[in-house]
Amino acid sequence: MTSKAIQRDLERLDDEIARSRRMAAFHDGDDDYLAEAYERDADDLQAVRDAVAQGDLAEAGRIAYHLDTYVRDEIPKRLFNAIMKANGTNS
């Protein structure tokens, strides 16, 4: 995966993290369970994003492997495949 492709996928992941945080804020005070779930999702995606940005694709794969399917599906497919390969896990 080229650095340009990684950058594009990180930008897409940033958008998804921002969307999850907006949804958390939207539900805050109205549905605390849902707000907390969106915030956890954003934090999980941020951890994957940070590991990729630091060049540790294997760590990003380890984190992603343990995510709920819904959250994992928000990682761009090309990036997901690269981090799973680096982690030695089949996607």
N, C-alpha and C. Protein backbone atom coordinates (compact mmCIF):
# COMPACT_ATOMS: atom_id res chain seq x y z
N MET A 1 0.85 -1.17 0.00
CA MET A 1 0.00 0.00 0.00
C MET A 1 0.89 1.23 0.00
N THR A 2 0.63 2.14 -0.90
CA THR A 2 1.46 3.34 -0.99
C THR A 2 1.11 4.33 0.13
N SER A 3 2.05 5.22 0.40
CA SER A 3 1.78 6.22 1.45
C SER A 3 0.63 7.14 1.04
N LYS A 4 0.47 7.37 -0.26
CA LYS A 4 -0.64 8.20 -0.73
C LYS A 4 -1.98 7.51 -0.47
N ALA A 5 -2.02 6.20 -0.71
CA ALA A 5 -3.24 5.44 -0.46
C ALA A 5 -3.55 5.40 1.04
N ILE A 6 -2.52 5.22 1.84
CA ILE A 6 -2.72 5.22 3.30
C ILE A 6 -3.27 6.57 3.74
N GLN A 7 -2.72 7.65 3.20
CA GLN A 7 -3.19 8.98 3.58
C GLN A 7 -4.66 9.19 3.21
N ARG A 8 -5.03 8.74 2.01
CA ARG A 8 -6.44 8.86 1.60
C ARG A 8 -7.35 8.07 2.53
N ASP A 9 -6.92 6.85 2.87
CA ASP A 9 -7.74 6.03 3.76
C ASP A 9 -7.78 6.60 5.18
N LEU A 10 -6.70 7.20 5.63
CA LEU A 10 -6.72 7.85 6.95
C LEU A 10 -7.69 9.04 6.95
N GLU A 11 -7.75 9.75 5.85
CA GLU A 11 -8.70 10.87 5.75
C GLU A 11 -10.14 10.34 5.82
N ARG A 12 -10.39 9.23 5.15
CA ARG A 12 -11.73 8.62 5.22
C ARG A 12 -12.03 8.16 6.63
N LEU A 13 -11.02 7.61 7.30
CA LEU A 13 -11.20 7.16 8.67
C LEU A 13 -11.42 8.36 9.60
N ASP A 14 -10.72 9.46 9.36
CA ASP A 14 -10.94 10.69 10.13
C ASP A 14 -12.40 11.14 10.01
N ASP A 15 -12.94 11.06 8.80
CA ASP A 15 -14.34 11.44 8.58
C ASP A 15 -15.28 10.56 9.40
N GLU A 16 -15.00 9.27 9.44
CA GLU A 16 -15.85 8.35 10.19
C GLU A 16 -15.73 8.60 11.69
N ILE A 17 -14.53 8.88 12.16
CA ILE A 17 -14.34 9.20 13.58
C ILE A 17 -15.12 10.46 13.93
N ALA A 18 -15.04 11.47 13.09
CA ALA A 18 -15.77 12.72 13.33
C ALA A 18 -17.28 12.47 13.32
N ARG A 19 -17.76 11.62 12.41
CA ARG A 19 -19.19 11.32 12.36
C ARG A 19 -19.63 10.63 13.65
N SER A 20 -18.84 9.69 14.15
CA SER A 20 -19.19 9.00 15.39
C SER A 20 -19.21 9.97 16.56
N ARG A 21 -18.28 10.90 16.59
CA ARG A 21 -18.26 11.89 17.68
C ARG A 21 -19.47 12.83 17.59
N ARG A 22 -19.85 13.20 16.36
CA ARG A 22 -21.06 14.03 16.19
C ARG A 22 -22.30 13.29 16.67
N MET A 23 -22.37 12.00 16.35
CA MET A 23 -23.52 11.21 16.79
C MET A 23 -23.54 11.08 18.32
N ALA A 24 -22.37 10.93 18.93
CA ALA A 24 -22.29 10.87 20.38
C ALA A 24 -22.81 12.17 20.99
N ALA A 25 -22.39 13.29 20.43
CA ALA A 25 -22.84 14.60 20.94
C ALA A 25 -24.34 14.78 20.73
N PHE A 26 -24.85 14.31 19.61
CA PHE A 26 -26.27 14.43 19.30
C PHE A 26 -27.12 13.69 20.34
N HIS A 27 -26.65 12.52 20.75
CA HIS A 27 -27.42 11.68 21.68
C HIS A 27 -27.11 11.97 23.14
N ASP A 28 -26.09 12.78 23.41
CA ASP A 28 -25.69 13.08 24.78
C ASP A 28 -26.84 13.75 25.53
N GLY A 29 -27.17 13.21 26.69
CA GLY A 29 -28.23 13.77 27.51
C GLY A 29 -29.60 13.26 27.13
N ASP A 30 -29.73 12.70 25.94
CA ASP A 30 -31.00 12.18 25.47
C ASP A 30 -31.03 10.66 25.58
N ASP A 31 -29.95 10.04 25.16
CA ASP A 31 -29.80 8.59 25.22
C ASP A 31 -28.34 8.31 25.56
N ASP A 32 -28.05 8.29 26.84
CA ASP A 32 -26.66 8.17 27.29
C ASP A 32 -26.01 6.87 26.83
N TYR A 33 -26.76 5.79 26.78
CA TYR A 33 -26.19 4.52 26.33
C TYR A 33 -25.71 4.64 24.89
N LEU A 34 -26.53 5.20 24.04
CA LEU A 34 -26.17 5.37 22.63
C LEU A 34 -25.02 6.36 22.47
N ALA A 35 -25.05 7.44 23.22
CA ALA A 35 -23.97 8.42 23.16
C ALA A 35 -22.64 7.78 23.55
N GLU A 36 -22.65 6.99 24.60
CA GLU A 36 -21.43 6.32 25.04
C GLU A 36 -20.96 5.29 24.01
N ALA A 37 -21.88 4.61 23.37
CA ALA A 37 -21.51 3.62 22.35
C ALA A 37 -20.83 4.31 21.17
N TYR A 38 -21.38 5.42 20.71
CA TYR A 38 -20.75 6.16 19.62
C TYR A 38 -19.37 6.68 20.02
N GLU A 39 -19.25 7.13 21.25
CA GLU A 39 -17.96 7.64 21.72
C GLU A 39 -16.92 6.52 21.80
N ARG A 40 -17.33 5.34 22.27
CA ARG A 40 -16.42 4.19 22.30
C ARG A 40 -16.00 3.79 20.88
N ASP A 41 -16.96 3.82 19.96
CA ASP A 41 -16.65 3.50 18.56
C ASP A 41 -15.61 4.47 18.01
N ALA A 42 -15.80 5.75 18.29
CA ALA A 42 -14.85 6.77 17.82
C ALA A 42 -13.47 6.54 18.44
N ASP A 43 -13.44 6.23 19.73
CA ASP A 43 -12.16 5.98 20.40
C ASP A 43 -11.45 4.76 19.82
N ASP A 44 -12.22 3.71 19.53
CA ASP A 44 -11.64 2.50 18.94
C ASP A 44 -11.06 2.79 17.56
N LEU A 45 -11.82 3.51 16.74
CA LEU A 45 -11.32 3.86 15.41
C LEU A 45 -10.11 4.78 15.49
N GLN A 46 -10.11 5.67 16.48
CA GLN A 46 -8.97 6.56 16.67
C GLN A 46 -7.71 5.77 17.02
N ALA A 47 -7.86 4.72 17.83
CA ALA A 47 -6.71 3.89 18.19
C ALA A 47 -6.13 3.20 16.95
N VAL A 48 -7.00 2.71 16.08
CA VAL A 48 -6.54 2.10 14.82
C VAL A 48 -5.84 3.15 13.98
N ARG A 49 -6.45 4.31 13.86
CA ARG A 49 -5.91 5.39 13.04
C ARG A 49 -4.53 5.82 13.54
N ASP A 50 -4.41 5.95 14.86
CA ASP A 50 -3.13 6.38 15.45
C ASP A 50 -2.03 5.36 15.18
N ALA A 51 -2.35 4.08 15.31
CA ALA A 51 -1.36 3.04 15.05
C ALA A 51 -0.91 3.07 13.59
N VAL A 52 -1.84 3.24 12.67
CA VAL A 52 -1.49 3.33 11.24
C VAL A 52 -0.62 4.56 11.00
N ALA A 53 -1.02 5.69 11.56
CA ALA A 53 -0.27 6.94 11.36
C ALA A 53 1.16 6.82 11.89
N GLN A 54 1.36 6.00 12.91
CA GLN A 54 2.69 5.80 13.48
C GLN A 54 3.47 4.73 12.71
N GLY A 55 2.82 4.15 11.70
CA GLY A 55 3.48 3.14 10.88
C GLY A 55 3.42 1.74 11.44
N ASP A 56 2.64 1.53 12.49
CA ASP A 56 2.54 0.22 13.12
C ASP A 56 1.27 -0.49 12.63
N LEU A 57 1.33 -1.00 11.40
CA LEU A 57 0.16 -1.64 10.81
C LEU A 57 -0.22 -2.92 11.56
N ALA A 58 0.78 -3.64 12.07
CA ALA A 58 0.47 -4.86 12.82
C ALA A 58 -0.34 -4.55 14.08
N GLU A 59 0.02 -3.50 14.80
CA GLU A 59 -0.73 -3.09 15.99
C GLU A 59 -2.13 -2.64 15.60
N ALA A 60 -2.25 -1.90 14.51
CA ALA A 60 -3.56 -1.48 14.03
C ALA A 60 -4.42 -2.70 13.72
N GLY A 61 -3.81 -3.72 13.13
CA GLY A 61 -4.52 -4.96 12.84
C GLY A 61 -4.96 -5.68 14.10
N ARG A 62 -4.10 -5.69 15.12
CA ARG A 62 -4.46 -6.32 16.38
C ARG A 62 -5.66 -5.62 17.02
N ILE A 63 -5.64 -4.30 16.98
CA ILE A 63 -6.76 -3.53 17.55
C ILE A 63 -8.03 -3.80 16.76
N ALA A 64 -7.93 -3.71 15.44
CA ALA A 64 -9.10 -3.88 14.58
C ALA A 64 -9.70 -5.28 14.70
N TYR A 65 -8.86 -6.28 14.89
CA TYR A 65 -9.32 -7.66 14.99
C TYR A 65 -10.32 -7.82 16.14
N HIS A 66 -10.15 -7.07 17.20
CA HIS A 66 -10.99 -7.20 18.39
C HIS A 66 -12.20 -6.26 18.41
N LEU A 67 -12.39 -5.48 17.35
CA LEU A 67 -13.51 -4.56 17.30
C LEU A 67 -14.80 -5.28 16.94
N ASP A 68 -15.92 -4.69 17.35
CA ASP A 68 -17.21 -5.18 16.88
C ASP A 68 -17.26 -5.06 15.36
N THR A 69 -18.02 -5.95 14.74
CA THR A 69 -18.10 -5.97 13.28
C THR A 69 -18.54 -4.61 12.73
N TYR A 70 -19.54 -4.00 13.34
CA TYR A 70 -20.03 -2.71 12.85
C TYR A 70 -18.91 -1.67 12.81
N VAL A 71 -18.12 -1.61 13.86
CA VAL A 71 -17.04 -0.62 13.93
C VAL A 71 -15.94 -0.98 12.94
N ARG A 72 -15.60 -2.25 12.89
CA ARG A 72 -14.56 -2.71 11.97
C ARG A 72 -14.92 -2.40 10.52
N ASP A 73 -16.21 -2.49 10.20
CA ASP A 73 -16.67 -2.21 8.83
C ASP A 73 -16.52 -0.75 8.44
N GLU A 74 -16.26 0.13 9.39
CA GLU A 74 -16.07 1.54 9.09
C GLU A 74 -14.64 1.85 8.65
N ILE A 75 -13.74 0.91 8.81
CA ILE A 75 -12.35 1.08 8.35
C ILE A 75 -12.35 0.85 6.84
N PRO A 76 -11.79 1.77 6.06
CA PRO A 76 -11.75 1.57 4.61
C PRO A 76 -11.18 0.18 4.27
N LYS A 77 -11.85 -0.52 3.35
CA LYS A 77 -11.52 -1.91 3.04
C LYS A 77 -10.05 -2.11 2.68
N ARG A 78 -9.51 -1.24 1.84
CA ARG A 78 -8.11 -1.38 1.42
C ARG A 78 -7.18 -1.30 2.63
N LEU A 79 -7.45 -0.34 3.52
CA LEU A 79 -6.66 -0.19 4.73
C LEU A 79 -6.85 -1.39 5.65
N PHE A 80 -8.08 -1.82 5.79
CA PHE A 80 -8.37 -2.98 6.64
C PHE A 80 -7.59 -4.21 6.16
N ASN A 81 -7.60 -4.44 4.86
CA ASN A 81 -6.88 -5.59 4.32
C ASN A 81 -5.37 -5.47 4.59
N ALA A 82 -4.83 -4.27 4.46
CA ALA A 82 -3.39 -4.06 4.70
C ALA A 82 -3.02 -4.30 6.16
N ILE A 83 -3.84 -3.81 7.09
CA ILE A 83 -3.49 -3.99 8.50
C ILE A 83 -3.70 -5.44 8.95
N MET A 84 -4.69 -6.12 8.38
CA MET A 84 -4.88 -7.53 8.71
C MET A 84 -3.72 -8.37 8.16
N LYS A 85 -3.25 -8.02 6.98
CA LYS A 85 -2.11 -8.74 6.39
C LYS A 85 -0.87 -8.51 7.26
N ALA A 86 -0.66 -7.27 7.69
CA ALA A 86 0.51 -6.95 8.53
C ALA A 86 0.43 -7.67 9.87
N ASN A 87 -0.79 -7.89 10.34
CA ASN A 87 -0.99 -8.57 11.61
C ASN A 87 -0.93 -10.09 11.46
N GLY A 88 -0.92 -10.56 10.22
CA GLY A 88 -0.88 -12.00 9.98
C GLY A 88 -2.24 -12.66 10.13
N THR A 89 -3.30 -11.85 10.01
CA THR A 89 -4.66 -12.33 10.14
C THR A 89 -5.36 -12.20 8.81
N ASN A 90 -6.07 -13.23 8.41
CA ASN A 90 -6.85 -13.14 7.17
C ASN A 90 -8.06 -12.26 7.41
N SER A 91 -8.35 -11.40 6.45
CA SER A 91 -9.55 -10.57 6.56
C SER A 91 -10.68 -11.34 5.99
